[in-house]
Amino acid sequence: MDVVTRPVRDSLARMILTKVAGPDPQSERDRVHATPGPRWFAEDRPIRRLHGDASMFAGGLRALLLQSLHPLAMAAVAAHSGYRGDPWGRLRRTSYFLAITTYGAIPDAEEAIAHVRSVHERVRGTSPDGVKYRASDPHLLKWVHIAEVDSFLAAHQRYGAHPLNAEEQDQYVEDAALVAEKLGVIDPPTTLAEVRRLLTEYQAELRGTTEARQAARFILIHPPVPWAARPAYGVLTAAAVGLLPWWTRLPLRLPYLPLAEQTVVRAAGEGLTRTIRWALASPTLASPTLASPTLASTGAEG
């Protein structure tokens, strides 16, 4: 059976890895994992388990949709991000950033942080309704951070191979706070309860702008995905939307079908995530533990 399935498994793994890690994923793996030196996170830390799981694909899409509800974050993405012109390049850069800060040697992680901060300093402008923004604004950085943390956790708890217990969820938030603080977030949350409190506090600033709805249509309806992969991508996007809070649906013009999301969508999402996880564990390719990416940010990863 392995002789029959291995070519299929390897082909699927190559297709995913070239999108996430570029044309030479083995080189990227070595750059992240084989460079000697201390790391920020020990091997038993929850952030390493979570960022290496296939559930991050759904979590990344959810993060983008959630982050887009902040009009200043979305204005920065629309004006400065390459999510339309170079979505796969952006995907690879974001994946590398997550991988190097989670698993890489500290000097390499610090170099990636410095690069992101320099990009943030250049990302500034005025939103369509006349409000000035800058990507280095700690308040805006905190929104991007909590939306990512909440999304990655939500996806992992539903679709991850080994969901975290309550203590591990808090530890994950604490781990993520280390990177957030280095990026310029002031007083990032260190517990899941703090993340949820901050999400509630930010809700008054959120709304569905034209730019946010355009981004949602691009990601969900008109993605740069080959037609042969559209059915699987459709399952992934349905899983991501199903993880969003109910209050996000109307502003983004997204459906809210709780019964279907808890049954059909969940079952399909679990099947797809297992398939991705199976492919990326291919012994032939020695696939890299490169964090499955989020497409969302204010242009942080260039």
C-alpha atoms as a PDB file:
ATOM      1  CA  MET A   1       0.000   0.000   0.000  1.00  0.00           C
ATOM      2  CA  ASP A   2       2.861   2.355   0.813  1.00  0.00           C
ATOM      3  CA  VAL A   3       4.262   1.839  -2.704  1.00  0.00           C
ATOM      4  CA  VAL A   4       0.917   2.974  -4.118  1.00  0.00           C
ATOM      5  CA  THR A   5       0.298   5.949  -1.835  1.00  0.00           C
ATOM      6  CA  ARG A   6       3.839   7.310  -1.514  1.00  0.00           C
ATOM      7  CA  PRO A   7       3.924   9.036  -4.958  1.00  0.00           C
ATOM      8  CA  VAL A   8       0.586  10.698  -4.185  1.00  0.00           C
ATOM      9  CA  ARG A   9       1.785  11.717  -0.741  1.00  0.00           C
ATOM     10  CA  ASP A  10       5.072  13.112  -2.035  1.00  0.00           C
ATOM     11  CA  SER A  11       3.382  15.005  -4.864  1.00  0.00           C
ATOM     12  CA  LEU A  12       0.939  16.643  -2.461  1.00  0.00           C
ATOM     13  CA  ALA A  13       3.727  17.483  -0.036  1.00  0.00           C
ATOM     14  CA  ARG A  14       5.822  19.107  -2.778  1.00  0.00           C
ATOM     15  CA  MET A  15       2.872  21.165  -3.955  1.00  0.00           C
ATOM     16  CA  ILE A  16       2.231  22.486  -0.443  1.00  0.00           C
ATOM     17  CA  LEU A  17       5.870  23.018   0.486  1.00  0.00           C
ATOM     18  CA  THR A  18       6.807  24.948  -2.638  1.00  0.00           C
ATOM     19  CA  LYS A  19       3.982  27.367  -1.898  1.00  0.00           C
ATOM     20  CA  VAL A  20       4.877  27.697   1.788  1.00  0.00           C
ATOM     21  CA  ALA A  21       8.677  27.434   1.722  1.00  0.00           C
ATOM     22  CA  GLY A  22       9.674  28.197  -1.865  1.00  0.00           C
ATOM     23  CA  PRO A  23      11.346  26.054  -4.532  1.00  0.00           C
ATOM     24  CA  ASP A  24      13.948  24.596  -2.130  1.00  0.00           C
ATOM     25  CA  PRO A  25      12.115  23.649   1.088  1.00  0.00           C
ATOM     26  CA  GLN A  26      14.991  21.483   2.308  1.00  0.00           C
ATOM     27  CA  SER A  27      17.267  24.523   2.305  1.00  0.00           C
ATOM     28  CA  GLU A  28      14.680  26.477   4.279  1.00  0.00           C
ATOM     29  CA  ARG A  29      14.392  23.610   6.752  1.00  0.00           C
ATOM     30  CA  ASP A  30      18.149  23.542   7.270  1.00  0.00           C
ATOM     31  CA  ARG A  31      18.266  27.311   7.672  1.00  0.00           C
ATOM     32  CA  VAL A  32      15.674  27.153  10.450  1.00  0.00           C
ATOM     33  CA  HIS A  33      16.502  23.886  12.190  1.00  0.00           C
ATOM     34  CA  ALA A  34      20.141  23.061  11.466  1.00  0.00           C
ATOM     35  CA  THR A  35      21.699  26.388  12.437  1.00  0.00           C
ATOM     36  CA  PRO A  36      23.429  25.844  15.798  1.00  0.00           C
ATOM     37  CA  GLY A  37      22.708  27.969  18.827  1.00  0.00           C
ATOM     38  CA  PRO A  38      20.113  28.531  21.559  1.00  0.00           C
ATOM     39  CA  ARG A  39      16.429  29.033  20.740  1.00  0.00           C
ATOM     40  CA  TRP A  40      13.805  31.193  22.405  1.00  0.00           C
ATOM     41  CA  PHE A  41      11.507  28.218  22.987  1.00  0.00           C
ATOM     42  CA  ALA A  42      12.374  24.811  24.388  1.00  0.00           C
ATOM     43  CA  GLU A  43      11.171  21.746  22.507  1.00  0.00           C
ATOM     44  CA  ASP A  44       8.340  21.118  24.974  1.00  0.00           C
ATOM     45  CA  ARG A  45       6.823  24.623  24.689  1.00  0.00           C
ATOM     46  CA  PRO A  46       3.265  24.783  23.266  1.00  0.00           C
ATOM     47  CA  ILE A  47       4.198  27.322  20.587  1.00  0.00           C
ATOM     48  CA  ARG A  48       6.381  24.736  18.861  1.00  0.00           C
ATOM     49  CA  ARG A  49       3.584  22.181  18.796  1.00  0.00           C
ATOM     50  CA  LEU A  50       0.938  24.624  17.628  1.00  0.00           C
ATOM     51  CA  HIS A  51       2.928  26.450  14.931  1.00  0.00           C
ATOM     52  CA  GLY A  52       4.047  23.168  13.402  1.00  0.00           C
ATOM     53  CA  ASP A  53       0.548  21.722  13.023  1.00  0.00           C
ATOM     54  CA  ALA A  54      -1.471  21.641   9.804  1.00  0.00           C
ATOM     55  CA  SER A  55      -4.334  23.443  11.560  1.00  0.00           C
ATOM     56  CA  MET A  56      -2.339  26.659  11.046  1.00  0.00           C
ATOM     57  CA  PHE A  57      -3.595  26.834   7.457  1.00  0.00           C
ATOM     58  CA  ALA A  58      -7.164  27.410   8.635  1.00  0.00           C
ATOM     59  CA  GLY A  59      -5.912  29.585  11.487  1.00  0.00           C
ATOM     60  CA  GLY A  60      -4.010  31.826   9.107  1.00  0.00           C
ATOM     61  CA  LEU A  61      -7.032  32.479   6.911  1.00  0.00           C
ATOM     62  CA  ARG A  62      -9.164  33.155   9.963  1.00  0.00           C
ATOM     63  CA  ALA A  63      -6.571  35.632  11.235  1.00  0.00           C
ATOM     64  CA  LEU A  64      -6.616  37.549   7.962  1.00  0.00           C
ATOM     65  CA  LEU A  65     -10.386  37.863   7.992  1.00  0.00           C
ATOM     66  CA  LEU A  66     -10.484  38.902  11.630  1.00  0.00           C
ATOM     67  CA  GLN A  67      -7.643  41.408  11.315  1.00  0.00           C
ATOM     68  CA  SER A  68      -9.266  43.029   8.292  1.00  0.00           C
ATOM     69  CA  LEU A  69     -12.090  44.321  10.499  1.00  0.00           C
ATOM     70  CA  HIS A  70      -9.833  46.992  11.958  1.00  0.00           C
ATOM     71  CA  PRO A  71     -10.073  49.826   9.400  1.00  0.00           C
ATOM     72  CA  LEU A  72      -6.532  51.102  10.003  1.00  0.00           C
ATOM     73  CA  ALA A  73      -4.985  47.636   9.818  1.00  0.00           C
ATOM     74  CA  MET A  74      -6.910  46.986   6.608  1.00  0.00           C
ATOM     75  CA  ALA A  75      -5.930  50.367   5.151  1.00  0.00           C
ATOM     76  CA  ALA A  76      -2.275  49.490   5.732  1.00  0.00           C
ATOM     77  CA  VAL A  77      -2.704  46.068   4.118  1.00  0.00           C
ATOM     78  CA  ALA A  78      -4.548  47.497   1.122  1.00  0.00           C
ATOM     79  CA  ALA A  79      -1.965  50.225   0.532  1.00  0.00           C
ATOM     80  CA  HIS A  80       1.274  48.442   1.363  1.00  0.00           C
ATOM     81  CA  SER A  81       0.782  44.683   1.332  1.00  0.00           C
ATOM     82  CA  GLY A  82       1.541  42.433  -1.604  1.00  0.00           C
ATOM     83  CA  TYR A  83      -1.352  40.113  -0.860  1.00  0.00           C
ATOM     84  CA  ARG A  84      -2.861  40.682  -4.333  1.00  0.00           C
ATOM     85  CA  GLY A  85       0.208  41.179  -6.511  1.00  0.00           C
ATOM     86  CA  ASP A  86       2.450  38.571  -4.880  1.00  0.00           C
ATOM     87  CA  PRO A  87       0.352  36.380  -2.572  1.00  0.00           C
ATOM     88  CA  TRP A  88       2.647  33.340  -2.704  1.00  0.00           C
ATOM     89  CA  GLY A  89       5.768  35.392  -2.051  1.00  0.00           C
ATOM     90  CA  ARG A  90       4.040  36.969   0.901  1.00  0.00           C
ATOM     91  CA  LEU A  91       2.962  33.540   2.093  1.00  0.00           C
ATOM     92  CA  ARG A  92       6.552  32.296   2.036  1.00  0.00           C
ATOM     93  CA  ARG A  93       7.918  35.346   3.847  1.00  0.00           C
ATOM     94  CA  THR A  94       5.295  35.111   6.559  1.00  0.00           C
ATOM     95  CA  SER A  95       5.841  31.369   6.934  1.00  0.00           C
ATOM     96  CA  TYR A  96       9.571  31.909   7.294  1.00  0.00           C
ATOM     97  CA  PHE A  97       9.045  34.613   9.913  1.00  0.00           C
ATOM     98  CA  LEU A  98       6.841  32.344  12.020  1.00  0.00           C
ATOM     99  CA  ALA A  99       9.243  29.428  11.591  1.00  0.00           C
ATOM    100  CA  ILE A 100      12.451  31.295  12.413  1.00  0.00           C
ATOM    101  CA  THR A 101      11.015  33.016  15.497  1.00  0.00           C
ATOM    102  CA  THR A 102       9.486  29.752  16.748  1.00  0.00           C
ATOM    103  CA  TYR A 103      12.226  27.226  15.948  1.00  0.00           C
ATOM    104  CA  GLY A 104      15.279  29.157  14.763  1.00  0.00           C
ATOM    105  CA  ALA A 105      18.517  30.206  16.437  1.00  0.00           C
ATOM    106  CA  ILE A 106      18.155  33.423  18.423  1.00  0.00           C
ATOM    107  CA  PRO A 107      20.439  35.566  16.197  1.00  0.00           C
ATOM    108  CA  ASP A 108      18.408  34.590  13.128  1.00  0.00           C
ATOM    109  CA  ALA A 109      15.140  35.251  14.948  1.00  0.00           C
ATOM    110  CA  GLU A 110      16.392  38.658  16.072  1.00  0.00           C
ATOM    111  CA  GLU A 111      17.443  39.483  12.519  1.00  0.00           C
ATOM    112  CA  ALA A 112      13.935  38.641  11.297  1.00  0.00           C
ATOM    113  CA  ILE A 113      12.417  40.808  14.038  1.00  0.00           C
ATOM    114  CA  ALA A 114      14.682  43.734  13.089  1.00  0.00           C
ATOM    115  CA  HIS A 115      13.653  43.406   9.439  1.00  0.00           C
ATOM    116  CA  VAL A 116       9.959  43.430  10.319  1.00  0.00           C
ATOM    117  CA  ARG A 117      10.366  46.479  12.530  1.00  0.00           C
ATOM    118  CA  SER A 118      12.172  48.338   9.760  1.00  0.00           C
ATOM    119  CA  VAL A 119       9.316  47.526   7.372  1.00  0.00           C
ATOM    120  CA  HIS A 120       6.795  48.728   9.958  1.00  0.00           C
ATOM    121  CA  GLU A 121       8.542  52.079  10.157  1.00  0.00           C
ATOM    122  CA  ARG A 122       7.942  52.625   6.443  1.00  0.00           C
ATOM    123  CA  VAL A 123       4.298  51.542   6.463  1.00  0.00           C
ATOM    124  CA  ARG A 124       2.265  54.654   7.145  1.00  0.00           C
ATOM    125  CA  GLY A 125      -0.436  56.657   5.446  1.00  0.00           C
ATOM    126  CA  THR A 126      -4.028  57.826   5.667  1.00  0.00           C
ATOM    127  CA  SER A 127      -7.095  55.594   5.609  1.00  0.00           C
ATOM    128  CA  PRO A 128      -9.934  56.219   3.108  1.00  0.00           C
ATOM    129  CA  ASP A 129     -11.890  58.055   5.815  1.00  0.00           C
ATOM    130  CA  GLY A 130      -8.980  60.394   6.561  1.00  0.00           C
ATOM    131  CA  VAL A 131      -7.385  58.813   9.650  1.00  0.00           C
ATOM    132  CA  LYS A 132      -3.597  58.619   9.739  1.00  0.00           C
ATOM    133  CA  TYR A 133      -2.014  55.261  10.537  1.00  0.00           C
ATOM    134  CA  ARG A 134       1.421  53.743  10.993  1.00  0.00           C
ATOM    135  CA  ALA A 135       2.169  50.052  11.235  1.00  0.00           C
ATOM    136  CA  SER A 136       4.535  50.629  14.164  1.00  0.00           C
ATOM    137  CA  ASP A 137       1.688  52.003  16.305  1.00  0.00           C
ATOM    138  CA  PRO A 138       1.697  49.734  19.413  1.00  0.00           C
ATOM    139  CA  HIS A 139      -2.107  49.795  19.590  1.00  0.00           C
ATOM    140  CA  LEU A 140      -2.418  48.572  16.005  1.00  0.00           C
ATOM    141  CA  LEU A 141       0.348  46.014  16.522  1.00  0.00           C
ATOM    142  CA  LYS A 142      -1.527  44.659  19.537  1.00  0.00           C
ATOM    143  CA  TRP A 143      -4.687  44.177  17.467  1.00  0.00           C
ATOM    144  CA  VAL A 144      -2.772  42.252  14.803  1.00  0.00           C
ATOM    145  CA  HIS A 145      -1.151  40.144  17.513  1.00  0.00           C
ATOM    146  CA  ILE A 146      -4.275  39.201  19.463  1.00  0.00           C
ATOM    147  CA  ALA A 147      -6.176  38.413  16.256  1.00  0.00           C
ATOM    148  CA  GLU A 148      -3.398  36.015  15.245  1.00  0.00           C
ATOM    149  CA  VAL A 149      -3.091  34.379  18.665  1.00  0.00           C
ATOM    150  CA  ASP A 150      -6.853  33.928  18.966  1.00  0.00           C
ATOM    151  CA  SER A 151      -7.084  32.533  15.441  1.00  0.00           C
ATOM    152  CA  PHE A 152      -4.177  30.116  15.733  1.00  0.00           C
ATOM    153  CA  LEU A 153      -5.544  28.807  19.009  1.00  0.00           C
ATOM    154  CA  ALA A 154      -9.093  28.488  17.699  1.00  0.00           C
ATOM    155  CA  ALA A 155      -7.902  26.486  14.699  1.00  0.00           C
ATOM    156  CA  HIS A 156      -5.613  24.275  16.755  1.00  0.00           C
ATOM    157  CA  GLN A 157      -8.259  23.499  19.353  1.00  0.00           C
ATOM    158  CA  ARG A 158     -10.667  22.378  16.643  1.00  0.00           C
ATOM    159  CA  TYR A 159      -8.380  20.842  14.016  1.00  0.00           C
ATOM    160  CA  GLY A 160      -5.018  20.272  15.707  1.00  0.00           C
ATOM    161  CA  ALA A 161      -3.608  16.785  16.176  1.00  0.00           C
ATOM    162  CA  HIS A 162      -3.111  17.378  19.901  1.00  0.00           C
ATOM    163  CA  PRO A 163      -5.246  20.229  21.268  1.00  0.00           C
ATOM    164  CA  LEU A 164      -3.811  22.138  24.213  1.00  0.00           C
ATOM    165  CA  ASN A 165      -5.221  21.922  27.702  1.00  0.00           C
ATOM    166  CA  ALA A 166      -6.115  25.093  29.607  1.00  0.00           C
ATOM    167  CA  GLU A 167      -2.647  25.503  31.119  1.00  0.00           C
ATOM    168  CA  GLU A 168      -0.954  24.940  27.753  1.00  0.00           C
ATOM    169  CA  GLN A 169      -3.205  27.499  26.076  1.00  0.00           C
ATOM    170  CA  ASP A 170      -2.045  30.121  28.557  1.00  0.00           C
ATOM    171  CA  GLN A 171       1.537  29.014  27.985  1.00  0.00           C
ATOM    172  CA  TYR A 172       1.067  29.440  24.240  1.00  0.00           C
ATOM    173  CA  VAL A 173      -0.205  32.990  24.729  1.00  0.00           C
ATOM    174  CA  GLU A 174       2.803  33.657  26.971  1.00  0.00           C
ATOM    175  CA  ASP A 175       5.176  32.245  24.334  1.00  0.00           C
ATOM    176  CA  ALA A 176       3.642  34.377  21.590  1.00  0.00           C
ATOM    177  CA  ALA A 177       3.907  37.450  23.811  1.00  0.00           C
ATOM    178  CA  LEU A 178       7.704  37.177  23.773  1.00  0.00           C
ATOM    179  CA  VAL A 179       7.812  37.678  19.993  1.00  0.00           C
ATOM    180  CA  ALA A 180       5.074  40.318  20.097  1.00  0.00           C
ATOM    181  CA  GLU A 181       6.963  42.392  22.632  1.00  0.00           C
ATOM    182  CA  LYS A 182      10.092  42.300  20.494  1.00  0.00           C
ATOM    183  CA  LEU A 183       7.997  43.502  17.541  1.00  0.00           C
ATOM    184  CA  GLY A 184       6.860  46.534  19.519  1.00  0.00           C
ATOM    185  CA  VAL A 185       3.632  45.423  21.186  1.00  0.00           C
ATOM    186  CA  ILE A 186       3.345  47.065  24.582  1.00  0.00           C
ATOM    187  CA  ASP A 187       2.081  44.824  27.390  1.00  0.00           C
ATOM    188  CA  PRO A 188       0.936  41.897  25.188  1.00  0.00           C
ATOM    189  CA  PRO A 189      -1.504  39.438  26.769  1.00  0.00           C
ATOM    190  CA  THR A 190      -0.014  36.445  28.552  1.00  0.00           C
ATOM    191  CA  THR A 191      -3.187  34.423  29.190  1.00  0.00           C
ATOM    192  CA  LEU A 192      -6.123  33.343  27.044  1.00  0.00           C
ATOM    193  CA  ALA A 193      -8.477  35.288  29.305  1.00  0.00           C
ATOM    194  CA  GLU A 194      -6.536  38.467  28.516  1.00  0.00           C
ATOM    195  CA  VAL A 195      -6.734  37.753  24.782  1.00  0.00           C
ATOM    196  CA  ARG A 196     -10.506  37.411  24.979  1.00  0.00           C
ATOM    197  CA  ARG A 197     -10.854  40.544  27.096  1.00  0.00           C
ATOM    198  CA  LEU A 198      -8.817  42.538  24.583  1.00  0.00           C
ATOM    199  CA  LEU A 199     -10.855  41.203  21.662  1.00  0.00           C
ATOM    200  CA  THR A 200     -13.966  42.514  23.372  1.00  0.00           C
ATOM    201  CA  GLU A 201     -12.327  45.887  24.018  1.00  0.00           C
ATOM    202  CA  TYR A 202     -11.261  46.271  20.376  1.00  0.00           C
ATOM    203  CA  GLN A 203     -14.738  45.484  19.017  1.00  0.00           C
ATOM    204  CA  ALA A 204     -15.796  49.128  19.283  1.00  0.00           C
ATOM    205  CA  GLU A 205     -13.081  50.011  16.723  1.00  0.00           C
ATOM    206  CA  LEU A 206     -13.974  47.288  14.220  1.00  0.00           C
ATOM    207  CA  ARG A 207     -16.146  47.522  11.131  1.00  0.00           C
ATOM    208  CA  GLY A 208     -16.499  46.016   7.696  1.00  0.00           C
ATOM    209  CA  THR A 209     -14.936  48.482   5.275  1.00  0.00           C
ATOM    210  CA  THR A 210     -14.996  48.192   1.507  1.00  0.00           C
ATOM    211  CA  GLU A 211     -11.325  47.187   1.630  1.00  0.00           C
ATOM    212  CA  ALA A 212     -12.032  44.448   4.183  1.00  0.00           C
ATOM    213  CA  ARG A 213     -14.831  42.977   2.079  1.00  0.00           C
ATOM    214  CA  GLN A 214     -12.660  43.134  -1.047  1.00  0.00           C
ATOM    215  CA  ALA A 215      -9.907  41.257   0.774  1.00  0.00           C
ATOM    216  CA  ALA A 216     -12.407  38.635   1.939  1.00  0.00           C
ATOM    217  CA  ARG A 217     -13.651  38.131  -1.632  1.00  0.00           C
ATOM    218  CA  PHE A 218     -10.095  37.815  -2.926  1.00  0.00           C
ATOM    219  CA  ILE A 219      -9.146  35.233  -0.315  1.00  0.00           C
ATOM    220  CA  LEU A 220     -12.401  33.276  -0.279  1.00  0.00           C
ATOM    221  CA  ILE A 221     -13.795  33.557  -3.818  1.00  0.00           C
ATOM    222  CA  HIS A 222     -11.025  34.616  -6.219  1.00  0.00           C
ATOM    223  CA  PRO A 223      -7.826  33.121  -4.773  1.00  0.00           C
ATOM    224  CA  PRO A 224      -4.699  32.511  -6.900  1.00  0.00           C
ATOM    225  CA  VAL A 225      -5.215  28.758  -6.596  1.00  0.00           C
ATOM    226  CA  PRO A 226      -5.155  26.255  -9.499  1.00  0.00           C
ATOM    227  CA  TRP A 227      -8.605  24.993 -10.447  1.00  0.00           C
ATOM    228  CA  ALA A 228      -7.662  21.435  -9.526  1.00  0.00           C
ATOM    229  CA  ALA A 229      -7.008  22.566  -5.962  1.00  0.00           C
ATOM    230  CA  ARG A 230     -10.135  24.730  -5.625  1.00  0.00           C
ATOM    231  CA  PRO A 231     -12.319  22.042  -3.958  1.00  0.00           C
ATOM    232  CA  ALA A 232      -9.737  21.486  -1.191  1.00  0.00           C
ATOM    233  CA  TYR A 233      -9.189  25.222  -0.842  1.00  0.00           C
ATOM    234  CA  GLY A 234     -12.953  25.673  -0.560  1.00  0.00           C
ATOM    235  CA  VAL A 235     -13.005  23.277   2.376  1.00  0.00           C
ATOM    236  CA  LEU A 236     -10.134  25.186   3.988  1.00  0.00           C
ATOM    237  CA  THR A 237     -11.862  28.545   3.630  1.00  0.00           C
ATOM    238  CA  ALA A 238     -15.148  27.139   4.931  1.00  0.00           C
ATOM    239  CA  ALA A 239     -13.276  25.804   7.964  1.00  0.00           C
ATOM    240  CA  ALA A 240     -11.655  29.206   8.528  1.00  0.00           C
ATOM    241  CA  VAL A 241     -14.953  31.081   8.262  1.00  0.00           C
ATOM    242  CA  GLY A 242     -16.570  28.542  10.578  1.00  0.00           C
ATOM    243  CA  LEU A 243     -14.014  29.429  13.253  1.00  0.00           C
ATOM    244  CA  LEU A 244     -14.841  33.150  13.189  1.00  0.00           C
ATOM    245  CA  PRO A 245     -16.948  34.705  15.958  1.00  0.00           C
ATOM    246  CA  TRP A 246     -20.574  35.229  14.947  1.00  0.00           C
ATOM    247  CA  TRP A 247     -20.265  39.007  15.218  1.00  0.00           C
ATOM    248  CA  THR A 248     -17.724  39.148  12.376  1.00  0.00           C
ATOM    249  CA  ARG A 249     -20.037  37.704   9.734  1.00  0.00           C
ATOM    250  CA  LEU A 250     -22.334  40.632   8.912  1.00  0.00           C
ATOM    251  CA  PRO A 251     -19.544  43.258   8.592  1.00  0.00           C
ATOM    252  CA  LEU A 252     -17.673  40.986   6.158  1.00  0.00           C
ATOM    253  CA  ARG A 253     -20.851  39.785   4.410  1.00  0.00           C
ATOM    254  CA  LEU A 254     -20.088  36.195   5.358  1.00  0.00           C
ATOM    255  CA  PRO A 255     -22.717  33.529   6.050  1.00  0.00           C
ATOM    256  CA  TYR A 256     -23.437  32.310   9.563  1.00  0.00           C
ATOM    257  CA  LEU A 257     -24.713  28.725   9.477  1.00  0.00           C
ATOM    258  CA  PRO A 258     -23.968  27.279  12.927  1.00  0.00           C
ATOM    259  CA  LEU A 259     -25.540  23.858  12.343  1.00  0.00           C
ATOM    260  CA  ALA A 260     -23.680  23.255   9.072  1.00  0.00           C
ATOM    261  CA  GLU A 261     -20.456  24.648  10.534  1.00  0.00           C
ATOM    262  CA  GLN A 262     -20.607  22.284  13.483  1.00  0.00           C
ATOM    263  CA  THR A 263     -21.337  19.225  11.331  1.00  0.00           C
ATOM    264  CA  VAL A 264     -20.533  19.197   7.616  1.00  0.00           C
ATOM    265  CA  VAL A 265     -17.888  21.931   7.609  1.00  0.00           C
ATOM    266  CA  ARG A 266     -16.186  20.586  10.711  1.00  0.00           C
ATOM    267  CA  ALA A 267     -16.020  17.037   9.350  1.00  0.00           C
ATOM    268  CA  ALA A 268     -14.642  18.235   6.013  1.00  0.00           C
ATOM    269  CA  GLY A 269     -12.130  20.504   7.754  1.00  0.00           C
ATOM    270  CA  GLU A 270     -10.911  17.665   9.938  1.00  0.00           C
ATOM    271  CA  GLY A 271     -10.487  15.427   6.909  1.00  0.00           C
ATOM    272  CA  LEU A 272      -8.547  18.038   4.951  1.00  0.00           C
ATOM    273  CA  THR A 273      -6.295  18.922   7.891  1.00  0.00           C
ATOM    274  CA  ARG A 274      -5.488  15.242   8.445  1.00  0.00           C
ATOM    275  CA  THR A 275      -4.638  14.915   4.745  1.00  0.00           C
ATOM    276  CA  ILE A 276      -2.290  17.920   4.842  1.00  0.00           C
ATOM    277  CA  ARG A 277      -0.662  16.605   8.030  1.00  0.00           C
ATOM    278  CA  TRP A 278      -0.225  13.159   6.441  1.00  0.00           C
ATOM    279  CA  ALA A 279       1.360  14.646   3.321  1.00  0.00           C
ATOM    280  CA  LEU A 280       3.775  16.896   5.215  1.00  0.00           C
ATOM    281  CA  ALA A 281       4.963  13.955   7.295  1.00  0.00           C
ATOM    282  CA  SER A 282       6.315  12.280   4.150  1.00  0.00           C
ATOM    283  CA  PRO A 283       9.505  10.382   5.078  1.00  0.00           C
ATOM    284  CA  THR A 284      10.728  10.675   1.504  1.00  0.00           C
ATOM    285  CA  LEU A 285      10.801  14.462   1.538  1.00  0.00           C
ATOM    286  CA  ALA A 286      11.805  14.931   5.173  1.00  0.00           C
ATOM    287  CA  SER A 287       9.412  17.861   5.097  1.00  0.00           C
ATOM    288  CA  PRO A 288      10.351  20.931   7.104  1.00  0.00           C
ATOM    289  CA  THR A 289       8.502  22.011  10.191  1.00  0.00           C
ATOM    290  CA  LEU A 290       7.865  25.416   8.713  1.00  0.00           C
ATOM    291  CA  ALA A 291       4.969  27.078  10.433  1.00  0.00           C
ATOM    292  CA  SER A 292       1.871  27.019   8.311  1.00  0.00           C
ATOM    293  CA  PRO A 293       1.317  30.640   7.474  1.00  0.00           C
ATOM    294  CA  THR A 294      -1.056  33.410   8.145  1.00  0.00           C
ATOM    295  CA  LEU A 295      -1.558  35.764   5.250  1.00  0.00           C
ATOM    296  CA  ALA A 296      -2.551  38.487   7.639  1.00  0.00           C
ATOM    297  CA  SER A 297      -0.530  41.408   8.830  1.00  0.00           C
ATOM    298  CA  THR A 298       0.037  45.066   8.164  1.00  0.00           C
ATOM    299  CA  GLY A 299       2.825  44.289   5.749  1.00  0.00           C
ATOM    300  CA  ALA A 300       5.006  43.094   8.588  1.00  0.00           C
ATOM    301  CA  GLU A 301       6.919  40.477   6.687  1.00  0.00           C
ATOM    302  CA  GLY A 302       7.602  42.643   3.671  1.00  0.00           C
END
